[in-house]
């Protein structure tokens, strides 16, 4: 029997400290393309992503290698100039979302989230 209360978070210690080595960012301004479909990233860290499931995976696909491309969103536009190609391992396949582990951790993904998107170059005025 599980002695945890339903409000317990398995990612936190009994003292309430975060167990994860790398902090997670909820609802980051990024999307991921997996199997040709763009999906919203629910949360992300240097070691993994929780992604909205908008694509079909084969039954029993857990531990499968998942190639993906991560894009930063600038407003409602994809920043294709800073796309990041990654490979992860499917660790959780739920009805609405999937968990993907990145091994080794990637700081490039953290930078993509943290660093502000480059502003479009101003159009030069013609005289």
Foldseek 3Di string as FASTA:
>chain_A
DDPDDPPDDVQADPVGHGNDPWDKDAQFQKWKAWPNDIWGWGMDTLWKTKTFDPDDDPPPQAQPKTWMKMFGDDPNDTPPVLIDIAIWGWHADDPTITMTTGPPGDVSVVCNRPPDDDDDDDDDDDD
